[in-house]
Amino acid sequence: MATQLSQNSNITLTPLHPVIGAEIGGVDLSQELDSATVEAIRDAWHDNGILLFRGQDITGDEQLRFASHFGDVAERHTPKEGANVAQVGAAPDWKNLMMVTDKKDEDGNPVGGLGHGEMWFHSDKCYHERPHRTSFLYGIEIPADGGHTKFASLYGAYNKMRDEWKDRFDDARIMQGYDYRNVERLDLNINLDNIFHFSQPLIVTNPGSKRKALYVSRLNSMWIEGIDRDESEEVLAEMFDLTEHADNYYEHVWQPGDLMMWDNLACLHARTDWPQGQTRMLRRCTTLGVPLD
């Protein structure tokens, strides 16, 4: 059921899922937004973790303008030497925007990055000192089947943690990493010098919502620091299951013109596969966060 965000606004808010997400209605992102509208959207983002704007017709510049209301727009990172460019994409060197697509040009070269197939749950740039706080993904070309994006609540995962773990790991740290050559669990024996990595808090307090979140993901989280590796693997396996439980995520079925924004400290996202021969193209930008120490 849709509700108005304020008595003086035509902006509506409709929940997407019991634990995460809402659809925003009554906003045209191709237009300049006044400060009251931006603040209403910001409050809804803090409350819901992810926001969906349907039926948008926006350019890349208009997407960047909207994103800039939520922080400094981040530049695209270059993979470390040796990364699998077939997965990352030998795409044009955009500064702030990235086409997430499996589409190729007439010569068979990728026109974007992160091509085809499933991606496990992860958080954007959690393996850097300043993780990217907000991500914005805009649907352009959508396959007839699959290619959905799942959003899992890190608040929900924290709430379902064992009470003794909430106490024990309140100040714990976790090594986050990403190997561009890998699409599954990281090799824990990998040389960290060869991949992006950074030690982050295991439990974060979101600066917007002030809620606690379990900051782990199956794709990026390597080990809990200060405990035995075998125990770390056992603990993390249960934590991963908490984040990925069927009642803890919303699965978004894309339509052209959808703009989805999300808080990387509040949720994880993942991608489902789609048939070969069907094209998927979305446009992505992000904003920088702050160090989590």
Foldseek 3Di string as FASTA:
>chain_A
DWDDLDPPDPWIWAAQAPQAEIEIPDDALQDDDDPVVLVSVLLVQLVHQKYKYFDYDHDPVSVVVSQVSPAAWAFDDDFFPPFDCLQFFPAPRDGFKFKCKQDADPVRGDNGHRYFFKAFWDFAQPLDQWGFFKKKKAFAFAFPDFFKKKKFFQLQLVVPDDPVCCVVQVAWKWKWWAGNNDRFADDLPDDCVNTRIDIARQWAQDPRNRGIGGQDTRRTTRFIPPDDRVVRVVVVVVSNCSRPPPNGMRIGDDDHRMMMMGTSRTIIMIGHGDDPPGMTIMMMITHIGHRRD
